[in-house]
Amino acid sequence: MFAIVEIAGLQYKVEQNQKLFVNRLKGDKGAKVSFDKVLLTVNGAITVGAPAVSGITVEVEILDHVLADKVIIFKKKRRKGYAKKNGHRQSLTQILVTGITGFGAEKKKLKKLLLRKLLKLK
């Protein structure tokens, strides 16, 4: 079972008990955060959202706030005496996916829709 979820403007494929680094999130270490913008879920059957799957949430726990490796930017123009060195470190948050919830609600919703259609046909 996995889901594709949008976190801080980027899309990630997440599974239960998975650790990953995302752009810096608000919250302290140990804080619980949930994301409801789930674009796709696979739990035996594939469910694609338009634009998001309703009723499904991804629960995560913030493990740590870290800095990524330094990226060096070096610019130079030949024969002009121009050289510029700059660096950058991206702020990241390490998260642990604690659960993907809401699959039961989706099945109940589908059953209600099917019952309504059956009753309309009779």
PDB file of N, CA and C in Angstrom:
ATOM      1  N   MET A   1       0.852  -1.169   0.000  1.00  0.00           N
ATOM      2  CA  MET A   1       0.000   0.000   0.000  1.00  0.00           C
ATOM      3  C   MET A   1       0.898   1.233   0.000  1.00  0.00           C
ATOM      4  N   PHE A   2       0.639   2.145  -0.927  1.00  0.00           N
ATOM      5  CA  PHE A   2       1.375   3.400  -0.971  1.00  0.00           C
ATOM      6  C   PHE A   2       0.462   4.503  -1.473  1.00  0.00           C
ATOM      7  N   ALA A   3       0.955   5.735  -1.359  1.00  0.00           N
ATOM      8  CA  ALA A   3       0.193   6.897  -1.807  1.00  0.00           C
ATOM      9  C   ALA A   3       1.159   7.919  -2.374  1.00  0.00           C
ATOM     10  N   ILE A   4       0.662   8.726  -3.291  1.00  0.00           N
ATOM     11  CA  ILE A   4       1.424   9.867  -3.790  1.00  0.00           C
ATOM     12  C   ILE A   4       0.766  11.103  -3.191  1.00  0.00           C
ATOM     13  N   VAL A   5       1.560  11.845  -2.416  1.00  0.00           N
ATOM     14  CA  VAL A   5       1.034  12.980  -1.651  1.00  0.00           C
ATOM     15  C   VAL A   5       1.846  14.228  -1.986  1.00  0.00           C
ATOM     16  N   GLU A   6       1.169  15.376  -1.944  1.00  0.00           N
ATOM     17  CA  GLU A   6       1.841  16.641  -2.188  1.00  0.00           C
ATOM     18  C   GLU A   6       2.205  17.265  -0.851  1.00  0.00           C
ATOM     19  N   ILE A   7       3.522  17.446  -0.637  1.00  0.00           N
ATOM     20  CA  ILE A   7       4.042  18.031   0.594  1.00  0.00           C
ATOM     21  C   ILE A   7       4.890  19.234   0.222  1.00  0.00           C
ATOM     22  N   ALA A   8       4.516  20.400   0.697  1.00  0.00           N
ATOM     23  CA  ALA A   8       5.249  21.640   0.465  1.00  0.00           C
ATOM     24  C   ALA A   8       5.479  21.891  -1.022  1.00  0.00           C
ATOM     25  N   GLY A   9       4.478  21.612  -1.844  1.00  0.00           N
ATOM     26  CA  GLY A   9       4.554  21.913  -3.268  1.00  0.00           C
ATOM     27  C   GLY A   9       5.216  20.846  -4.112  1.00  0.00           C
ATOM     28  N   LEU A  10       5.752  19.777  -3.505  1.00  0.00           N
ATOM     29  CA  LEU A  10       6.391  18.695  -4.255  1.00  0.00           C
ATOM     30  C   LEU A  10       5.646  17.391  -4.007  1.00  0.00           C
ATOM     31  N   GLN A  11       5.715  16.474  -4.982  1.00  0.00           N
ATOM     32  CA  GLN A  11       5.001  15.206  -4.885  1.00  0.00           C
ATOM     33  C   GLN A  11       5.955  14.105  -4.460  1.00  0.00           C
ATOM     34  N   TYR A  12       5.512  13.287  -3.496  1.00  0.00           N
ATOM     35  CA  TYR A  12       6.326  12.202  -2.971  1.00  0.00           C
ATOM     36  C   TYR A  12       5.516  10.919  -2.950  1.00  0.00           C
ATOM     37  N   LYS A  13       6.175   9.801  -3.236  1.00  0.00           N
ATOM     38  CA  LYS A  13       5.572   8.483  -3.081  1.00  0.00           C
ATOM     39  C   LYS A  13       5.916   8.007  -1.673  1.00  0.00           C
ATOM     40  N   VAL A  14       4.898   7.766  -0.851  1.00  0.00           N
ATOM     41  CA  VAL A  14       5.124   7.412   0.546  1.00  0.00           C
ATOM     42  C   VAL A  14       4.476   6.082   0.874  1.00  0.00           C
ATOM     43  N   GLU A  15       5.106   5.363   1.815  1.00  0.00           N
ATOM     44  CA  GLU A  15       4.591   4.108   2.340  1.00  0.00           C
ATOM     45  C   GLU A  15       4.648   4.171   3.857  1.00  0.00           C
ATOM     46  N   GLN A  16       3.985   3.225   4.508  1.00  0.00           N
ATOM     47  CA  GLN A  16       3.991   3.145   5.962  1.00  0.00           C
ATOM     48  C   GLN A  16       5.417   2.951   6.475  1.00  0.00           C
ATOM     49  N   ASN A  17       5.787   3.635   7.556  1.00  0.00           N
ATOM     50  CA  ASN A  17       7.098   3.547   8.230  1.00  0.00           C
ATOM     51  C   ASN A  17       8.268   3.963   7.345  1.00  0.00           C
ATOM     52  N   GLN A  18       8.050   4.830   6.386  1.00  0.00           N
ATOM     53  CA  GLN A  18       9.113   5.312   5.501  1.00  0.00           C
ATOM     54  C   GLN A  18       9.648   6.639   6.029  1.00  0.00           C
ATOM     55  N   LYS A  19      10.984   6.792   5.976  1.00  0.00           N
ATOM     56  CA  LYS A  19      11.614   8.053   6.346  1.00  0.00           C
ATOM     57  C   LYS A  19      12.021   8.771   5.072  1.00  0.00           C
ATOM     58  N   LEU A  20      11.793  10.082   5.019  1.00  0.00           N
ATOM     59  CA  LEU A  20      12.224  10.847   3.864  1.00  0.00           C
ATOM     60  C   LEU A  20      12.477  12.298   4.248  1.00  0.00           C
ATOM     61  N   PHE A  21      13.221  12.985   3.388  1.00  0.00           N
ATOM     62  CA  PHE A  21      13.533  14.391   3.580  1.00  0.00           C
ATOM     63  C   PHE A  21      12.655  15.223   2.661  1.00  0.00           C
ATOM     64  N   VAL A  22      12.032  16.262   3.224  1.00  0.00           N
ATOM     65  CA  VAL A  22      11.196  17.181   2.452  1.00  0.00           C
ATOM     66  C   VAL A  22      11.653  18.600   2.758  1.00  0.00           C
ATOM     67  N   ASN A  23      11.173  19.574   1.982  1.00  0.00           N
ATOM     68  CA  ASN A  23      11.484  20.971   2.272  1.00  0.00           C
ATOM     69  C   ASN A  23      11.020  21.309   3.686  1.00  0.00           C
ATOM     70  N   ARG A  24      11.635  22.311   4.282  1.00  0.00           N
ATOM     71  CA  ARG A  24      11.394  22.651   5.690  1.00  0.00           C
ATOM     72  C   ARG A  24       9.916  22.835   5.974  1.00  0.00           C
ATOM     73  N   LEU A  25       9.440  22.128   7.018  1.00  0.00           N
ATOM     74  CA  LEU A  25       8.053  22.233   7.465  1.00  0.00           C
ATOM     75  C   LEU A  25       7.999  22.984   8.786  1.00  0.00           C
ATOM     76  N   LYS A  26       6.871  23.627   9.048  1.00  0.00           N
ATOM     77  CA  LYS A  26       6.672  24.274  10.343  1.00  0.00           C
ATOM     78  C   LYS A  26       6.357  23.190  11.367  1.00  0.00           C
ATOM     79  N   GLY A  27       6.881  23.364  12.556  1.00  0.00           N
ATOM     80  CA  GLY A  27       6.639  22.395  13.621  1.00  0.00           C
ATOM     81  C   GLY A  27       7.934  21.983  14.274  1.00  0.00           C
ATOM     82  N   ASP A  28       7.822  21.534  15.518  1.00  0.00           N
ATOM     83  CA  ASP A  28       8.984  21.110  16.284  1.00  0.00           C
ATOM     84  C   ASP A  28       9.221  19.613  16.113  1.00  0.00           C
ATOM     85  N   LYS A  29      10.364  19.150  16.641  1.00  0.00           N
ATOM     86  CA  LYS A  29      10.657  17.715  16.630  1.00  0.00           C
ATOM     87  C   LYS A  29       9.566  16.979  17.389  1.00  0.00           C
ATOM     88  N   GLY A  30       9.141  15.855  16.861  1.00  0.00           N
ATOM     89  CA  GLY A  30       8.117  15.057  17.518  1.00  0.00           C
ATOM     90  C   GLY A  30       6.695  15.475  17.207  1.00  0.00           C
ATOM     91  N   ALA A  31       6.510  16.575  16.495  1.00  0.00           N
ATOM     92  CA  ALA A  31       5.154  17.045  16.173  1.00  0.00           C
ATOM     93  C   ALA A  31       4.515  16.130  15.130  1.00  0.00           C
ATOM     94  N   LYS A  32       3.218  15.949  15.247  1.00  0.00           N
ATOM     95  CA  LYS A  32       2.452  15.148  14.288  1.00  0.00           C
ATOM     96  C   LYS A  32       1.824  16.092  13.268  1.00  0.00           C
ATOM     97  N   VAL A  33       1.961  15.747  11.983  1.00  0.00           N
ATOM     98  CA  VAL A  33       1.411  16.552  10.902  1.00  0.00           C
ATOM     99  C   VAL A  33       0.636  15.619   9.981  1.00  0.00           C
ATOM    100  N   SER A  34      -0.470  16.101   9.430  1.00  0.00           N
ATOM    101  CA  SER A  34      -1.224  15.290   8.472  1.00  0.00           C
ATOM    102  C   SER A  34      -1.396  16.069   7.176  1.00  0.00           C
ATOM    103  N   PHE A  35      -1.332  15.339   6.075  1.00  0.00           N
ATOM    104  CA  PHE A  35      -1.492  15.919   4.746  1.00  0.00           C
ATOM    105  C   PHE A  35      -2.707  15.270   4.092  1.00  0.00           C
ATOM    106  N   ASP A  36      -3.614  16.109   3.590  1.00  0.00           N
ATOM    107  CA  ASP A  36      -4.829  15.577   2.978  1.00  0.00           C
ATOM    108  C   ASP A  36      -4.843  15.713   1.464  1.00  0.00           C
ATOM    109  N   LYS A  37      -3.803  16.279   0.879  1.00  0.00           N
ATOM    110  CA  LYS A  37      -3.744  16.401  -0.579  1.00  0.00           C
ATOM    111  C   LYS A  37      -3.068  15.157  -1.152  1.00  0.00           C
ATOM    112  N   VAL A  38      -3.816  14.065  -1.171  1.00  0.00           N
ATOM    113  CA  VAL A  38      -3.334  12.784  -1.681  1.00  0.00           C
ATOM    114  C   VAL A  38      -3.790  12.669  -3.125  1.00  0.00           C
ATOM    115  N   LEU A  39      -2.852  12.502  -4.035  1.00  0.00           N
ATOM    116  CA  LEU A  39      -3.158  12.500  -5.462  1.00  0.00           C
ATOM    117  C   LEU A  39      -3.496  11.115  -5.989  1.00  0.00           C
ATOM    118  N   LEU A  40      -2.935  10.066  -5.362  1.00  0.00           N
ATOM    119  CA  LEU A  40      -3.161   8.702  -5.836  1.00  0.00           C
ATOM    120  C   LEU A  40      -2.948   7.752  -4.678  1.00  0.00           C
ATOM    121  N   THR A  41      -3.748   6.689  -4.593  1.00  0.00           N
ATOM    122  CA  THR A  41      -3.553   5.653  -3.591  1.00  0.00           C
ATOM    123  C   THR A  41      -3.614   4.296  -4.256  1.00  0.00           C
ATOM    124  N   VAL A  42      -2.831   3.371  -3.722  1.00  0.00           N
ATOM    125  CA  VAL A  42      -2.875   1.980  -4.176  1.00  0.00           C
ATOM    126  C   VAL A  42      -3.029   1.117  -2.936  1.00  0.00           C
ATOM    127  N   ASN A  43      -4.206   0.521  -2.788  1.00  0.00           N
ATOM    128  CA  ASN A  43      -4.499  -0.375  -1.671  1.00  0.00           C
ATOM    129  C   ASN A  43      -5.284  -1.552  -2.230  1.00  0.00           C
ATOM    130  N   GLY A  44      -4.609  -2.359  -3.039  1.00  0.00           N
ATOM    131  CA  GLY A  44      -5.300  -3.418  -3.753  1.00  0.00           C
ATOM    132  C   GLY A  44      -5.860  -2.908  -5.066  1.00  0.00           C
ATOM    133  N   ALA A  45      -6.494  -1.752  -5.032  1.00  0.00           N
ATOM    134  CA  ALA A  45      -7.012  -1.107  -6.237  1.00  0.00           C
ATOM    135  C   ALA A  45      -6.425   0.301  -6.323  1.00  0.00           C
ATOM    136  N   ILE A  46      -6.289   0.781  -7.534  1.00  0.00           N
ATOM    137  CA  ILE A  46      -5.726   2.112  -7.754  1.00  0.00           C
ATOM    138  C   ILE A  46      -6.848   3.140  -7.715  1.00  0.00           C
ATOM    139  N   THR A  47      -6.655   4.189  -6.903  1.00  0.00           N
ATOM    140  CA  THR A  47      -7.605   5.290  -6.822  1.00  0.00           C
ATOM    141  C   THR A  47      -6.882   6.570  -7.195  1.00  0.00           C
ATOM    142  N   VAL A  48      -7.351   7.218  -8.259  1.00  0.00           N
ATOM    143  CA  VAL A  48      -6.737   8.450  -8.729  1.00  0.00           C
ATOM    144  C   VAL A  48      -7.678   9.597  -8.394  1.00  0.00           C
ATOM    145  N   GLY A  49      -7.124  10.652  -7.817  1.00  0.00           N
ATOM    146  CA  GLY A  49      -7.925  11.813  -7.448  1.00  0.00           C
ATOM    147  C   GLY A  49      -8.062  12.789  -8.596  1.00  0.00           C
ATOM    148  N   ALA A  50      -9.063  13.649  -8.483  1.00  0.00           N
ATOM    149  CA  ALA A  50      -9.274  14.667  -9.508  1.00  0.00           C
ATOM    150  C   ALA A  50      -9.597  15.988  -8.823  1.00  0.00           C
ATOM    151  N   PRO A  51      -8.692  16.760  -8.320  1.00  0.00           N
ATOM    152  CA  PRO A  51      -7.237  16.594  -8.277  1.00  0.00           C
ATOM    153  C   PRO A  51      -6.741  15.784  -7.092  1.00  0.00           C
ATOM    154  N   ALA A  52      -7.554  15.608  -6.028  1.00  0.00           N
ATOM    155  CA  ALA A  52      -7.099  14.855  -4.859  1.00  0.00           C
ATOM    156  C   ALA A  52      -8.141  13.800  -4.491  1.00  0.00           C
ATOM    157  N   VAL A  53      -7.673  12.739  -3.838  1.00  0.00           N
ATOM    158  CA  VAL A  53      -8.563  11.686  -3.365  1.00  0.00           C
ATOM    159  C   VAL A  53      -9.178  12.166  -2.060  1.00  0.00           C
ATOM    160  N   SER A  54     -10.502  12.162  -1.975  1.00  0.00           N
ATOM    161  CA  SER A  54     -11.161  12.671  -0.775  1.00  0.00           C
ATOM    162  C   SER A  54     -11.200  11.598   0.310  1.00  0.00           C
ATOM    163  N   GLY A  55     -11.041  12.039   1.547  1.00  0.00           N
ATOM    164  CA  GLY A  55     -11.151  11.132   2.680  1.00  0.00           C
ATOM    165  C   GLY A  55      -9.855  10.455   3.083  1.00  0.00           C
ATOM    166  N   ILE A  56      -8.806  10.556   2.313  1.00  0.00           N
ATOM    167  CA  ILE A  56      -7.534   9.908   2.620  1.00  0.00           C
ATOM    168  C   ILE A  56      -6.574  10.950   3.186  1.00  0.00           C
ATOM    169  N   THR A  57      -5.906  10.613   4.280  1.00  0.00           N
ATOM    170  CA  THR A  57      -4.897  11.488   4.861  1.00  0.00           C
ATOM    171  C   THR A  57      -3.627  10.701   5.125  1.00  0.00           C
ATOM    172  N   VAL A  58      -2.501  11.393   5.049  1.00  0.00           N
ATOM    173  CA  VAL A  58      -1.201  10.797   5.356  1.00  0.00           C
ATOM    174  C   VAL A  58      -0.710  11.438   6.640  1.00  0.00           C
ATOM    175  N   GLU A  59      -0.487  10.606   7.671  1.00  0.00           N
ATOM    176  CA  GLU A  59      -0.030  11.082   8.973  1.00  0.00           C
ATOM    177  C   GLU A  59       1.482  10.919   9.035  1.00  0.00           C
ATOM    178  N   VAL A  60       2.200  11.999   9.421  1.00  0.00           N
ATOM    179  CA  VAL A  60       3.657  11.950   9.535  1.00  0.00           C
ATOM    180  C   VAL A  60       4.087  12.536  10.878  1.00  0.00           C
ATOM    181  N   GLU A  61       5.295  12.156  11.281  1.00  0.00           N
ATOM    182  CA  GLU A  61       5.907  12.691  12.490  1.00  0.00           C
ATOM    183  C   GLU A  61       7.220  13.359  12.092  1.00  0.00           C
ATOM    184  N   ILE A  62       7.458  14.567  12.602  1.00  0.00           N
ATOM    185  CA  ILE A  62       8.697  15.285  12.295  1.00  0.00           C
ATOM    186  C   ILE A  62       9.807  14.720  13.171  1.00  0.00           C
ATOM    187  N   LEU A  63      10.851  14.197  12.522  1.00  0.00           N
ATOM    188  CA  LEU A  63      11.973  13.627  13.257  1.00  0.00           C
ATOM    189  C   LEU A  63      13.061  14.653  13.543  1.00  0.00           C
ATOM    190  N   ASP A  64      13.392  15.492  12.555  1.00  0.00           N
ATOM    191  CA  ASP A  64      14.504  16.421  12.735  1.00  0.00           C
ATOM    192  C   ASP A  64      14.475  17.496  11.655  1.00  0.00           C
ATOM    193  N   HIS A  65      15.064  18.647  11.956  1.00  0.00           N
ATOM    194  CA  HIS A  65      15.291  19.703  10.975  1.00  0.00           C
ATOM    195  C   HIS A  65      16.784  19.729  10.697  1.00  0.00           C
ATOM    196  N   VAL A  66      17.175  19.592   9.435  1.00  0.00           N
ATOM    197  CA  VAL A  66      18.584  19.492   9.068  1.00  0.00           C
ATOM    198  C   VAL A  66      18.893  20.411   7.890  1.00  0.00           C
ATOM    199  N   LEU A  67      20.182  20.540   7.600  1.00  0.00           N
ATOM    200  CA  LEU A  67      20.638  21.256   6.418  1.00  0.00           C
ATOM    201  C   LEU A  67      21.241  20.249   5.451  1.00  0.00           C
ATOM    202  N   ALA A  68      20.958  20.406   4.171  1.00  0.00           N
ATOM    203  CA  ALA A  68      21.494  19.515   3.149  1.00  0.00           C
ATOM    204  C   ALA A  68      22.967  19.841   2.914  1.00  0.00           C
ATOM    205  N   ASP A  69      23.614  19.048   2.082  1.00  0.00           N
ATOM    206  CA  ASP A  69      25.006  19.306   1.732  1.00  0.00           C
ATOM    207  C   ASP A  69      25.117  20.638   1.003  1.00  0.00           C
ATOM    208  N   LYS A  70      26.276  21.270   1.137  1.00  0.00           N
ATOM    209  CA  LYS A  70      26.495  22.568   0.507  1.00  0.00           C
ATOM    210  C   LYS A  70      26.656  22.404  -1.005  1.00  0.00           C
ATOM    211  N   VAL A  71      26.005  23.276  -1.732  1.00  0.00           N
ATOM    212  CA  VAL A  71      26.124  23.312  -3.191  1.00  0.00           C
ATOM    213  C   VAL A  71      26.940  24.554  -3.531  1.00  0.00           C
ATOM    214  N   ILE A  72      28.008  24.370  -4.293  1.00  0.00           N
ATOM    215  CA  ILE A  72      28.888  25.478  -4.663  1.00  0.00           C
ATOM    216  C   ILE A  72      28.496  25.986  -6.046  1.00  0.00           C
ATOM    217  N   ILE A  73      28.311  27.292  -6.150  1.00  0.00           N
ATOM    218  CA  ILE A  73      28.019  27.934  -7.434  1.00  0.00           C
ATOM    219  C   ILE A  73      29.234  28.788  -7.785  1.00  0.00           C
ATOM    220  N   PHE A  74      29.854  28.498  -8.919  1.00  0.00           N
ATOM    221  CA  PHE A  74      31.041  29.248  -9.333  1.00  0.00           C
ATOM    222  C   PHE A  74      30.794  29.812 -10.717  1.00  0.00           C
ATOM    223  N   LYS A  75      30.908  31.142 -10.844  1.00  0.00           N
ATOM    224  CA  LYS A  75      30.709  31.818 -12.124  1.00  0.00           C
ATOM    225  C   LYS A  75      32.024  32.460 -12.543  1.00  0.00           C
ATOM    226  N   LYS A  76      32.319  32.360 -13.832  1.00  0.00           N
ATOM    227  CA  LYS A  76      33.557  32.949 -14.332  1.00  0.00           C
ATOM    228  C   LYS A  76      33.374  33.381 -15.780  1.00  0.00           C
ATOM    229  N   LYS A  77      33.961  34.521 -16.124  1.00  0.00           N
ATOM    230  CA  LYS A  77      33.990  34.972 -17.514  1.00  0.00           C
ATOM    231  C   LYS A  77      35.453  35.059 -17.928  1.00  0.00           C
ATOM    232  N   ARG A  78      35.762  34.410 -19.030  1.00  0.00           N
ATOM    233  CA  ARG A  78      37.149  34.370 -19.487  1.00  0.00           C
ATOM    234  C   ARG A  78      37.667  35.748 -19.859  1.00  0.00           C
ATOM    235  N   ARG A  79      38.903  35.966 -19.519  1.00  0.00           N
ATOM    236  CA  ARG A  79      39.653  37.165 -19.926  1.00  0.00           C
ATOM    237  C   ARG A  79      39.012  38.472 -19.455  1.00  0.00           C
ATOM    238  N   LYS A  80      38.158  38.440 -18.483  1.00  0.00           N
ATOM    239  CA  LYS A  80      37.499  39.659 -18.002  1.00  0.00           C
ATOM    240  C   LYS A  80      37.838  39.944 -16.539  1.00  0.00           C
ATOM    241  N   GLY A  81      38.514  39.030 -15.893  1.00  0.00           N
ATOM    242  CA  GLY A  81      38.843  39.225 -14.486  1.00  0.00           C
ATOM    243  C   GLY A  81      37.638  39.039 -13.567  1.00  0.00           C
ATOM    244  N   TYR A  82      36.611  38.320 -14.030  1.00  0.00           N
ATOM    245  CA  TYR A  82      35.399  38.134 -13.247  1.00  0.00           C
ATOM    246  C   TYR A  82      35.320  36.687 -12.793  1.00  0.00           C
ATOM    247  N   ALA A  83      35.287  36.503 -11.497  1.00  0.00           N
ATOM    248  CA  ALA A  83      35.075  35.185 -10.914  1.00  0.00           C
ATOM    249  C   ALA A  83      34.302  35.375  -9.617  1.00  0.00           C
ATOM    250  N   LYS A  84      33.249  34.596  -9.451  1.00  0.00           N
ATOM    251  CA  LYS A  84      32.413  34.736  -8.261  1.00  0.00           C
ATOM    252  C   LYS A  84      32.080  33.347  -7.733  1.00  0.00           C
ATOM    253  N   LYS A  85      32.320  33.137  -6.442  1.00  0.00           N
ATOM    254  CA  LYS A  85      32.030  31.859  -5.798  1.00  0.00           C
ATOM    255  C   LYS A  85      30.940  32.089  -4.758  1.00  0.00           C
ATOM    256  N   ASN A  86      29.934  31.256  -4.779  1.00  0.00           N
ATOM    257  CA  ASN A  86      28.818  31.371  -3.855  1.00  0.00           C
ATOM    258  C   ASN A  86      28.401  29.972  -3.426  1.00  0.00           C
ATOM    259  N   GLY A  87      27.766  29.848  -2.284  1.00  0.00           N
ATOM    260  CA  GLY A  87      27.324  28.543  -1.802  1.00  0.00           C
ATOM    261  C   GLY A  87      25.916  28.619  -1.243  1.00  0.00           C
ATOM    262  N   HIS A  88      25.309  27.439  -1.102  1.00  0.00           N
ATOM    263  CA  HIS A  88      23.931  27.380  -0.618  1.00  0.00           C
ATOM    264  C   HIS A  88      23.704  26.038   0.079  1.00  0.00           C
ATOM    265  N   ARG A  89      22.987  26.082   1.201  1.00  0.00           N
ATOM    266  CA  ARG A  89      22.565  24.862   1.899  1.00  0.00           C
ATOM    267  C   ARG A  89      21.059  24.903   2.065  1.00  0.00           C
ATOM    268  N   GLN A  90      20.372  23.897   1.541  1.00  0.00           N
ATOM    269  CA  GLN A  90      18.915  23.829   1.599  1.00  0.00           C
ATOM    270  C   GLN A  90      18.458  23.372   2.980  1.00  0.00           C
ATOM    271  N   SER A  91      17.428  23.995   3.515  1.00  0.00           N
ATOM    272  CA  SER A  91      16.839  23.583   4.791  1.00  0.00           C
ATOM    273  C   SER A  91      15.857  22.450   4.538  1.00  0.00           C
ATOM    274  N   LEU A  92      16.030  21.328   5.242  1.00  0.00           N
ATOM    275  CA  LEU A  92      15.187  20.149   5.054  1.00  0.00           C
ATOM    276  C   LEU A  92      14.589  19.709   6.380  1.00  0.00           C
ATOM    277  N   THR A  93      13.528  18.929   6.296  1.00  0.00           N
ATOM    278  CA  THR A  93      12.916  18.303   7.454  1.00  0.00           C
ATOM    279  C   THR A  93      12.854  16.809   7.197  1.00  0.00           C
ATOM    280  N   GLN A  94      13.326  16.022   8.161  1.00  0.00           N
ATOM    281  CA  GLN A  94      13.223  14.572   8.041  1.00  0.00           C
ATOM    282  C   GLN A  94      11.923  14.144   8.705  1.00  0.00           C
ATOM    283  N   ILE A  95      11.110  13.384   7.967  1.00  0.00           N
ATOM    284  CA  ILE A  95       9.815  12.947   8.490  1.00  0.00           C
ATOM    285  C   ILE A  95       9.715  11.433   8.437  1.00  0.00           C
ATOM    286  N   LEU A  96       8.830  10.890   9.279  1.00  0.00           N
ATOM    287  CA  LEU A  96       8.511   9.467   9.302  1.00  0.00           C
ATOM    288  C   LEU A  96       7.020   9.328   9.030  1.00  0.00           C
ATOM    289  N   VAL A  97       6.673   8.558   8.017  1.00  0.00           N
ATOM    290  CA  VAL A  97       5.263   8.339   7.678  1.00  0.00           C
ATOM    291  C   VAL A  97       4.710   7.312   8.666  1.00  0.00           C
ATOM    292  N   THR A  98       3.793   7.748   9.533  1.00  0.00           N
ATOM    293  CA  THR A  98       3.241   6.854  10.549  1.00  0.00           C
ATOM    294  C   THR A  98       2.008   6.107  10.068  1.00  0.00           C
ATOM    295  N   GLY A  99       1.310   6.647   9.067  1.00  0.00           N
ATOM    296  CA  GLY A  99       0.135   5.936   8.590  1.00  0.00           C
ATOM    297  C   GLY A  99      -0.567   6.637   7.443  1.00  0.00           C
ATOM    298  N   ILE A 100      -1.269   5.826   6.665  1.00  0.00           N
ATOM    299  CA  ILE A 100      -2.134   6.328   5.596  1.00  0.00           C
ATOM    300  C   ILE A 100      -3.540   5.891   5.985  1.00  0.00           C
ATOM    301  N   THR A 101      -4.403   6.855   6.319  1.00  0.00           N
ATOM    302  CA  THR A 101      -5.707   6.522   6.874  1.00  0.00           C
ATOM    303  C   THR A 101      -6.839   7.007   5.976  1.00  0.00           C
ATOM    304  N   GLY A 102      -8.010   6.435   6.199  1.00  0.00           N
ATOM    305  CA  GLY A 102      -9.207   6.887   5.508  1.00  0.00           C
ATOM    306  C   GLY A 102      -9.721   5.934   4.458  1.00  0.00           C
ATOM    307  N   PHE A 103      -9.142   4.744   4.349  1.00  0.00           N
ATOM    308  CA  PHE A 103      -9.597   3.815   3.317  1.00  0.00           C
ATOM    309  C   PHE A 103     -10.988   3.275   3.628  1.00  0.00           C
ATOM    310  N   GLY A 104     -11.337   3.104   4.893  1.00  0.00           N
ATOM    311  CA  GLY A 104     -12.664   2.626   5.262  1.00  0.00           C
ATOM    312  C   GLY A 104     -13.741   3.618   4.880  1.00  0.00           C
ATOM    313  N   ALA A 105     -13.476   4.908   5.040  1.00  0.00           N
ATOM    314  CA  ALA A 105     -14.457   5.944   4.705  1.00  0.00           C
ATOM    315  C   ALA A 105     -14.735   5.960   3.210  1.00  0.00           C
ATOM    316  N   GLU A 106     -13.689   5.702   2.423  1.00  0.00           N
ATOM    317  CA  GLU A 106     -13.856   5.693   0.971  1.00  0.00           C
ATOM    318  C   GLU A 106     -14.768   4.538   0.535  1.00  0.00           C
ATOM    319  N   LYS A 107     -14.603   3.367   1.148  1.00  0.00           N
ATOM    320  CA  LYS A 107     -15.443   2.219   0.801  1.00  0.00           C
ATOM    321  C   LYS A 107     -16.896   2.472   1.185  1.00  0.00           C
ATOM    322  N   LYS A 108     -17.111   3.093   2.356  1.00  0.00           N
ATOM    323  CA  LYS A 108     -18.473   3.408   2.773  1.00  0.00           C
ATOM    324  C   LYS A 108     -19.129   4.381   1.801  1.00  0.00           C
ATOM    325  N   LYS A 109     -18.360   5.360   1.344  1.00  0.00           N
ATOM    326  CA  LYS A 109     -18.882   6.343   0.412  1.00  0.00           C
ATOM    327  C   LYS A 109     -19.281   5.672  -0.908  1.00  0.00           C
ATOM    328  N   LEU A 110     -18.442   4.737  -1.394  1.00  0.00           N
ATOM    329  CA  LEU A 110     -18.762   4.017  -2.630  1.00  0.00           C
ATOM    330  C   LEU A 110     -20.010   3.161  -2.458  1.00  0.00           C
ATOM    331  N   LYS A 111     -20.165   2.530  -1.291  1.00  0.00           N
ATOM    332  CA  LYS A 111     -21.356   1.703  -1.052  1.00  0.00           C
ATOM    333  C   LYS A 111     -22.622   2.558  -1.072  1.00  0.00           C
ATOM    334  N   LYS A 112     -22.543   3.758  -0.445  1.00  0.00           N
ATOM    335  CA  LYS A 112     -23.696   4.647  -0.444  1.00  0.00           C
ATOM    336  C   LYS A 112     -24.068   5.075  -1.857  1.00  0.00           C
ATOM    337  N   LEU A 113     -23.064   5.394  -2.675  1.00  0.00           N
ATOM    338  CA  LEU A 113     -23.338   5.790  -4.054  1.00  0.00           C
ATOM    339  C   LEU A 113     -23.970   4.648  -4.845  1.00  0.00           C
ATOM    340  N   LEU A 114     -23.452   3.439  -4.659  1.00  0.00           N
ATOM    341  CA  LEU A 114     -24.022   2.287  -5.362  1.00  0.00           C
ATOM    342  C   LEU A 114     -25.461   2.028  -4.930  1.00  0.00           C
ATOM    343  N   LEU A 115     -25.747   2.135  -3.632  1.00  0.00           N
ATOM    344  CA  LEU A 115     -27.113   1.937  -3.152  1.00  0.00           C
ATOM    345  C   LEU A 115     -28.065   2.973  -3.733  1.00  0.00           C
ATOM    346  N   ARG A 116     -27.615   4.223  -3.798  1.00  0.00           N
ATOM    347  CA  ARG A 116     -28.461   5.276  -4.378  1.00  0.00           C
ATOM    348  C   ARG A 116     -28.773   4.986  -5.835  1.00  0.00           C
ATOM    349  N   LYS A 117     -27.761   4.542  -6.591  1.00  0.00           N
ATOM    350  CA  LYS A 117     -27.984   4.244  -8.011  1.00  0.00           C
ATOM    351  C   LYS A 117     -28.937   3.060  -8.168  1.00  0.00           C
ATOM    352  N   LEU A 118     -28.789   2.039  -7.328  1.00  0.00           N
ATOM    353  CA  LEU A 118     -29.681   0.882  -7.403  1.00  0.00           C
ATOM    354  C   LEU A 118     -31.109   1.272  -7.085  1.00  0.00           C
ATOM    355  N   LEU A 119     -31.301   2.108  -6.061  1.00  0.00           N
ATOM    356  CA  LEU A 119     -32.640   2.528  -5.689  1.00  0.00           C
ATOM    357  C   LEU A 119     -33.289   3.388  -6.775  1.00  0.00           C
ATOM    358  N   LYS A 120     -32.512   4.192  -7.480  1.00  0.00           N
ATOM    359  CA  LYS A 120     -33.038   5.027  -8.559  1.00  0.00           C
ATOM    360  C   LYS A 120     -33.471   4.166  -9.743  1.00  0.00           C
ATOM    361  N   LEU A 121     -32.756   3.048  -9.978  1.00  0.00           N
ATOM    362  CA  LEU A 121     -33.092   2.187 -11.103  1.00  0.00           C
ATOM    363  C   LEU A 121     -34.398   1.438 -10.885  1.00  0.00           C
ATOM    364  N   LYS A 122     -34.747   1.147  -9.628  1.00  0.00           N
ATOM    365  CA  LYS A 122     -35.969   0.377  -9.337  1.00  0.00           C
ATOM    366  C   LYS A 122     -37.201   1.221  -9.339  1.00  0.00           C
TER     367      LYS A 122
END
